[in-house]
Amino acid sequence: MVSIDVSVCPKCGGRLRYYDSVKRIVRTKGRKTWKVPMRRLRCTRCGALHREMSELIFPYKQYEAEVIIGVVEGLITCETLGFEDYPCELTMGRWTAQKQQLLLWR
């Protein structure tokens, strides 16, 4: 995964070129989901595929970044109106335990 506007392969330093795009499902506030188009880039040197990451989402997470950051910073809890059962307490606990790793992606 690479950030938007990065044109260098993180594995070998080769040039990245557009390959195709895929849709990724993202869960947002109010139990809504939407599909985010993500570009995939192929390295011209090693052939590795990389997805271009938006600031709206974290790698390997289904929820939008705003919800995850709110939980990690303590602004969203299981008692917060609108988030009583979404995401669940176990998920919120995992995000809090992964706080340092999640903040590195920012």
N, C-alpha and C. Protein backbone atom coordinates (compact mmCIF):
# COMPACT_ATOMS: atom_id res chain seq x y z
N MET A 1 0.83 -1.17 0.00
CA MET A 1 0.00 0.00 0.00
C MET A 1 0.88 1.24 0.00
N VAL A 2 0.51 2.17 -0.82
CA VAL A 2 1.26 3.40 -0.94
C VAL A 2 0.31 4.58 -0.79
N SER A 3 0.83 5.72 -0.40
CA SER A 3 0.03 6.93 -0.28
C SER A 3 -0.26 7.49 -1.67
N ILE A 4 -1.28 8.32 -1.73
CA ILE A 4 -1.62 8.96 -2.99
C ILE A 4 -0.45 9.83 -3.44
N ASP A 5 -0.21 9.89 -4.71
CA ASP A 5 0.86 10.68 -5.34
C ASP A 5 2.26 10.11 -5.11
N VAL A 6 2.37 8.87 -4.64
CA VAL A 6 3.67 8.22 -4.53
C VAL A 6 3.89 7.44 -5.81
N SER A 7 5.02 7.65 -6.47
CA SER A 7 5.26 6.98 -7.74
C SER A 7 6.47 6.05 -7.68
N VAL A 8 6.90 5.67 -6.45
CA VAL A 8 8.07 4.82 -6.28
C VAL A 8 7.65 3.56 -5.51
N CYS A 9 8.08 2.42 -5.96
CA CYS A 9 7.78 1.15 -5.31
C CYS A 9 8.48 1.08 -3.96
N PRO A 10 7.74 0.78 -2.87
CA PRO A 10 8.38 0.67 -1.56
C PRO A 10 9.27 -0.56 -1.43
N LYS A 11 9.13 -1.54 -2.29
CA LYS A 11 9.95 -2.76 -2.22
C LYS A 11 11.30 -2.58 -2.90
N CYS A 12 11.28 -2.05 -4.14
CA CYS A 12 12.53 -2.02 -4.90
C CYS A 12 12.91 -0.63 -5.41
N GLY A 13 12.05 0.34 -5.25
CA GLY A 13 12.36 1.69 -5.72
C GLY A 13 12.04 1.92 -7.19
N GLY A 14 11.40 0.95 -7.84
CA GLY A 14 11.02 1.09 -9.25
C GLY A 14 9.86 2.05 -9.43
N ARG A 15 9.57 2.35 -10.67
CA ARG A 15 8.49 3.29 -10.99
C ARG A 15 7.14 2.57 -10.96
N LEU A 16 6.12 3.21 -10.39
CA LEU A 16 4.77 2.64 -10.34
C LEU A 16 3.94 3.20 -11.47
N ARG A 17 3.16 2.32 -12.11
CA ARG A 17 2.25 2.73 -13.18
C ARG A 17 0.87 2.22 -12.86
N TYR A 18 -0.14 2.94 -13.33
CA TYR A 18 -1.54 2.54 -13.12
C TYR A 18 -1.77 1.15 -13.70
N TYR A 19 -2.46 0.29 -12.93
CA TYR A 19 -2.76 -1.06 -13.38
C TYR A 19 -4.27 -1.24 -13.58
N ASP A 20 -5.05 -1.01 -12.51
CA ASP A 20 -6.50 -1.04 -12.58
C ASP A 20 -7.06 -0.43 -11.31
N SER A 21 -8.35 -0.55 -11.11
CA SER A 21 -8.94 -0.05 -9.87
C SER A 21 -9.89 -1.10 -9.31
N VAL A 22 -10.06 -1.08 -8.00
CA VAL A 22 -10.95 -1.99 -7.31
C VAL A 22 -11.82 -1.18 -6.35
N LYS A 23 -12.93 -1.74 -5.94
CA LYS A 23 -13.81 -1.08 -4.99
C LYS A 23 -13.58 -1.70 -3.62
N ARG A 24 -13.52 -0.86 -2.59
CA ARG A 24 -13.36 -1.33 -1.22
C ARG A 24 -14.53 -0.83 -0.39
N ILE A 25 -15.15 -1.70 0.37
CA ILE A 25 -16.29 -1.33 1.20
C ILE A 25 -15.78 -0.68 2.48
N VAL A 26 -16.38 0.46 2.82
CA VAL A 26 -16.00 1.20 4.02
C VAL A 26 -17.26 1.43 4.85
N ARG A 27 -17.16 1.14 6.14
CA ARG A 27 -18.29 1.36 7.06
C ARG A 27 -18.14 2.74 7.68
N THR A 28 -19.25 3.48 7.72
CA THR A 28 -19.23 4.84 8.25
C THR A 28 -20.22 4.99 9.39
N LYS A 29 -20.40 6.21 9.84
CA LYS A 29 -21.35 6.49 10.92
C LYS A 29 -22.77 6.10 10.49
N GLY A 30 -23.58 5.77 11.48
CA GLY A 30 -24.97 5.47 11.19
C GLY A 30 -25.19 4.15 10.45
N ARG A 31 -24.27 3.20 10.61
CA ARG A 31 -24.38 1.88 9.99
C ARG A 31 -24.45 1.95 8.46
N LYS A 32 -23.91 2.95 7.87
CA LYS A 32 -23.91 3.07 6.42
C LYS A 32 -22.60 2.49 5.86
N THR A 33 -22.69 1.96 4.66
CA THR A 33 -21.50 1.49 3.97
C THR A 33 -21.46 2.12 2.59
N TRP A 34 -20.27 2.31 2.09
CA TRP A 34 -20.10 2.82 0.73
C TRP A 34 -18.86 2.20 0.13
N LYS A 35 -18.82 2.19 -1.17
CA LYS A 35 -17.70 1.58 -1.89
C LYS A 35 -16.77 2.68 -2.38
N VAL A 36 -15.52 2.58 -1.97
CA VAL A 36 -14.50 3.55 -2.33
C VAL A 36 -13.66 2.97 -3.46
N PRO A 37 -13.53 3.67 -4.59
CA PRO A 37 -12.64 3.16 -5.64
C PRO A 37 -11.17 3.38 -5.23
N MET A 38 -10.38 2.35 -5.40
CA MET A 38 -8.96 2.42 -5.08
C MET A 38 -8.16 2.04 -6.32
N ARG A 39 -7.18 2.85 -6.65
CA ARG A 39 -6.32 2.53 -7.78
C ARG A 39 -5.26 1.52 -7.35
N ARG A 40 -4.96 0.59 -8.26
CA ARG A 40 -3.86 -0.33 -8.03
C ARG A 40 -2.75 0.03 -9.00
N LEU A 41 -1.54 0.02 -8.49
CA LEU A 41 -0.37 0.39 -9.28
C LEU A 41 0.58 -0.80 -9.35
N ARG A 42 1.21 -0.99 -10.51
CA ARG A 42 2.17 -2.08 -10.68
C ARG A 42 3.57 -1.49 -10.85
N CYS A 43 4.54 -2.11 -10.19
CA CYS A 43 5.93 -1.68 -10.31
C CYS A 43 6.48 -2.15 -11.64
N THR A 44 7.14 -1.25 -12.35
CA THR A 44 7.70 -1.62 -13.66
C THR A 44 8.95 -2.47 -13.52
N ARG A 45 9.56 -2.46 -12.34
CA ARG A 45 10.80 -3.24 -12.14
C ARG A 45 10.51 -4.63 -11.58
N CYS A 46 9.84 -4.71 -10.42
CA CYS A 46 9.62 -6.02 -9.77
C CYS A 46 8.24 -6.61 -10.04
N GLY A 47 7.31 -5.83 -10.58
CA GLY A 47 5.98 -6.35 -10.91
C GLY A 47 5.02 -6.41 -9.74
N ALA A 48 5.39 -5.91 -8.57
CA ALA A 48 4.53 -5.95 -7.40
C ALA A 48 3.34 -5.01 -7.58
N LEU A 49 2.19 -5.42 -7.04
CA LEU A 49 0.99 -4.59 -7.07
C LEU A 49 0.85 -3.86 -5.74
N HIS A 50 0.48 -2.59 -5.80
CA HIS A 50 0.28 -1.78 -4.60
C HIS A 50 -1.03 -1.02 -4.74
N ARG A 51 -1.79 -0.95 -3.65
CA ARG A 51 -3.01 -0.15 -3.65
C ARG A 51 -2.69 1.25 -3.17
N GLU A 52 -3.34 2.21 -3.77
CA GLU A 52 -3.15 3.60 -3.40
C GLU A 52 -4.13 3.91 -2.27
N MET A 53 -3.61 4.27 -1.10
CA MET A 53 -4.44 4.49 0.08
C MET A 53 -4.88 5.94 0.21
N SER A 54 -6.14 6.11 0.51
CA SER A 54 -6.70 7.43 0.76
C SER A 54 -6.56 7.75 2.25
N GLU A 55 -6.67 9.03 2.60
CA GLU A 55 -6.64 9.41 4.02
C GLU A 55 -7.94 9.06 4.73
N LEU A 56 -8.95 8.66 3.98
CA LEU A 56 -10.25 8.34 4.57
C LEU A 56 -10.29 6.98 5.24
N ILE A 57 -9.32 6.11 4.91
CA ILE A 57 -9.34 4.75 5.43
C ILE A 57 -7.96 4.32 5.90
N PHE A 58 -7.95 3.31 6.78
CA PHE A 58 -6.72 2.69 7.24
C PHE A 58 -6.54 1.36 6.53
N PRO A 59 -5.30 0.92 6.35
CA PRO A 59 -5.09 -0.41 5.75
C PRO A 59 -5.64 -1.50 6.67
N TYR A 60 -6.27 -2.48 6.08
CA TYR A 60 -6.79 -3.66 6.77
C TYR A 60 -7.92 -3.35 7.75
N LYS A 61 -8.54 -2.20 7.66
CA LYS A 61 -9.66 -1.84 8.53
C LYS A 61 -10.88 -1.56 7.67
N GLN A 62 -12.07 -1.96 8.16
CA GLN A 62 -13.31 -1.74 7.42
C GLN A 62 -13.92 -0.37 7.69
N TYR A 63 -13.67 0.19 8.86
CA TYR A 63 -14.30 1.44 9.24
C TYR A 63 -13.51 2.63 8.73
N GLU A 64 -14.22 3.75 8.50
CA GLU A 64 -13.54 4.95 8.03
C GLU A 64 -12.60 5.48 9.12
N ALA A 65 -11.60 6.21 8.70
CA ALA A 65 -10.56 6.70 9.60
C ALA A 65 -11.13 7.60 10.69
N GLU A 66 -12.15 8.39 10.38
CA GLU A 66 -12.73 9.31 11.36
C GLU A 66 -13.29 8.56 12.57
N VAL A 67 -13.94 7.42 12.33
CA VAL A 67 -14.49 6.61 13.41
C VAL A 67 -13.36 6.00 14.23
N ILE A 68 -12.34 5.45 13.57
CA ILE A 68 -11.23 4.82 14.28
C ILE A 68 -10.47 5.84 15.12
N ILE A 69 -10.19 7.00 14.56
CA ILE A 69 -9.49 8.05 15.31
C ILE A 69 -10.32 8.51 16.50
N GLY A 70 -11.63 8.62 16.33
CA GLY A 70 -12.50 9.00 17.44
C GLY A 70 -12.45 8.00 18.58
N VAL A 71 -12.39 6.71 18.26
CA VAL A 71 -12.30 5.68 19.29
C VAL A 71 -10.93 5.73 19.97
N VAL A 72 -9.88 5.82 19.19
CA VAL A 72 -8.52 5.83 19.74
C VAL A 72 -8.30 7.04 20.65
N GLU A 73 -8.85 8.19 20.28
CA GLU A 73 -8.69 9.40 21.09
C GLU A 73 -9.68 9.49 22.24
N GLY A 74 -10.59 8.54 22.34
CA GLY A 74 -11.54 8.51 23.44
C GLY A 74 -12.80 9.34 23.23
N LEU A 75 -12.99 9.85 22.03
CA LEU A 75 -14.17 10.66 21.74
C LEU A 75 -15.41 9.80 21.49
N ILE A 76 -15.20 8.57 21.03
CA ILE A 76 -16.29 7.64 20.76
C ILE A 76 -16.12 6.43 21.67
N THR A 77 -17.18 6.13 22.43
CA THR A 77 -17.20 4.95 23.29
C THR A 77 -18.47 4.17 23.00
N CYS A 78 -18.67 3.06 23.70
CA CYS A 78 -19.88 2.28 23.48
C CYS A 78 -21.12 3.00 24.01
N GLU A 79 -20.94 4.05 24.83
CA GLU A 79 -22.06 4.84 25.33
C GLU A 79 -22.38 6.04 24.44
N THR A 80 -21.56 6.35 23.47
CA THR A 80 -21.77 7.49 22.59
C THR A 80 -23.00 7.25 21.72
N LEU A 81 -23.91 8.20 21.72
CA LEU A 81 -25.13 8.06 20.92
C LEU A 81 -24.77 7.91 19.44
N GLY A 82 -25.42 6.94 18.81
CA GLY A 82 -25.15 6.66 17.41
C GLY A 82 -24.10 5.58 17.22
N PHE A 83 -23.34 5.26 18.28
CA PHE A 83 -22.29 4.24 18.18
C PHE A 83 -22.48 3.16 19.25
N GLU A 84 -23.68 3.04 19.81
CA GLU A 84 -23.91 2.10 20.92
C GLU A 84 -23.57 0.66 20.55
N ASP A 85 -23.90 0.25 19.36
CA ASP A 85 -23.63 -1.13 18.95
C ASP A 85 -22.85 -1.20 17.65
N TYR A 86 -22.19 -0.12 17.29
CA TYR A 86 -21.52 -0.09 15.99
C TYR A 86 -20.36 0.87 16.04
N PRO A 87 -19.15 0.51 16.07
CA PRO A 87 -18.59 -0.84 16.14
C PRO A 87 -18.71 -1.43 17.56
N CYS A 88 -18.50 -2.72 17.66
CA CYS A 88 -18.67 -3.39 18.95
C CYS A 88 -17.51 -3.05 19.89
N GLU A 89 -17.72 -3.36 21.17
CA GLU A 89 -16.72 -3.03 22.21
C GLU A 89 -15.40 -3.76 21.98
N LEU A 90 -15.44 -4.99 21.49
CA LEU A 90 -14.21 -5.73 21.23
C LEU A 90 -13.38 -5.06 20.14
N THR A 91 -14.05 -4.60 19.10
CA THR A 91 -13.35 -3.90 18.02
C THR A 91 -12.73 -2.61 18.54
N MET A 92 -13.49 -1.86 19.34
CA MET A 92 -12.96 -0.63 19.91
C MET A 92 -11.75 -0.90 20.80
N GLY A 93 -11.80 -2.00 21.55
CA GLY A 93 -10.67 -2.38 22.40
C GLY A 93 -9.43 -2.73 21.59
N ARG A 94 -9.62 -3.43 20.46
CA ARG A 94 -8.49 -3.75 19.58
C ARG A 94 -7.86 -2.49 19.01
N TRP A 95 -8.70 -1.54 18.59
CA TRP A 95 -8.17 -0.29 18.04
C TRP A 95 -7.37 0.48 19.09
N THR A 96 -7.87 0.50 20.31
CA THR A 96 -7.16 1.20 21.38
C THR A 96 -5.82 0.53 21.66
N ALA A 97 -5.80 -0.81 21.62
CA ALA A 97 -4.54 -1.54 21.83
C ALA A 97 -3.56 -1.31 20.68
N GLN A 98 -4.07 -1.05 19.48
CA GLN A 98 -3.23 -0.82 18.31
C GLN A 98 -2.98 0.66 18.05
N LYS A 99 -3.19 1.50 19.04
CA LYS A 99 -3.13 2.95 18.88
C LYS A 99 -1.83 3.40 18.21
N GLN A 100 -0.69 2.95 18.71
CA GLN A 100 0.60 3.38 18.16
C GLN A 100 0.74 2.98 16.69
N GLN A 101 0.34 1.75 16.36
CA GLN A 101 0.44 1.28 14.99
C GLN A 101 -0.47 2.08 14.07
N LEU A 102 -1.69 2.36 14.52
CA LEU A 102 -2.65 3.11 13.70
C LEU A 102 -2.18 4.53 13.47
N LEU A 103 -1.59 5.15 14.47
CA LEU A 103 -1.12 6.52 14.31
C LEU A 103 0.08 6.61 13.39
N LEU A 104 0.84 5.52 13.26
CA LEU A 104 1.97 5.50 12.32
C LEU A 104 1.50 5.58 10.88
N TRP A 105 0.31 5.03 10.59
CA TRP A 105 -0.21 5.06 9.23
C TRP A 105 -0.62 6.46 8.81
N ARG A 106 -0.85 7.32 9.77
CA ARG A 106 -1.27 8.69 9.45
C ARG A 106 -0.11 9.45 8.99
